[in-house]
Amino acid sequence: MFKATRELIKNRQAFTKYPVVQAFNVEHKNSGKINQCFQNACNSIDRNEGVTIVSGWLIGSFDKATGSTEIIQHYWNVNRDGTFFDTTPKHTNNVEYVIDTQIMYWSQKNLSLLDSCVSSSLLYVDEKFTAVNEINGQLVFSNIKNLSVENLFLHSLSNNQIPQKLAA
């Protein structure tokens, strides 16, 4: 397990009642569209009985040149027999998957307040997490106080403030 995977699990677990765990043996089908993981996962539900969406993270391997690890918020699927599969094309084979159920649960519960059900991705550098978002085709890096789901979705709220009425 990558160091960034262990740190993500530890830091996210502090903010959710759901288990944050590594997923193993994810089959890659690459039949969806790049950068459309949520829609690809939804399309798999529409086409296949007994398929559900899994929310979580793709953790890349440590990049020695930059001293960082990319952590991408991601959606994929699981069959009723527990077999994971991902239809979104990926750029590299050296990734680890982490299941984070609260991402899906929270985004669906608060969908009317969000611009997107995809949270910030993260960059792990020097034992710290930085939020990463694509805005108008540009990557925007920002400090993140902690890995609570509210902070992870802060970029997706229309006024970038956490309203009092957000569901826990």
Foldseek 3Di string as FASTA:
>chain_A
DAPVLVLVQVQAVVADPDHKFWDPQAAEPQQDEAPPQVVQQVVVCVVDPQKDKFWWWKWAHQDPVVQKIWIFTGMWIAGNVGHTYGRHDDDDDRIITITDRVLQVQCVQCVVQFQDSTFFIWMQHPNAIWTWDQDPNDIDTHHFPGPHSCSRRLVGGPVSDDDPPRDD
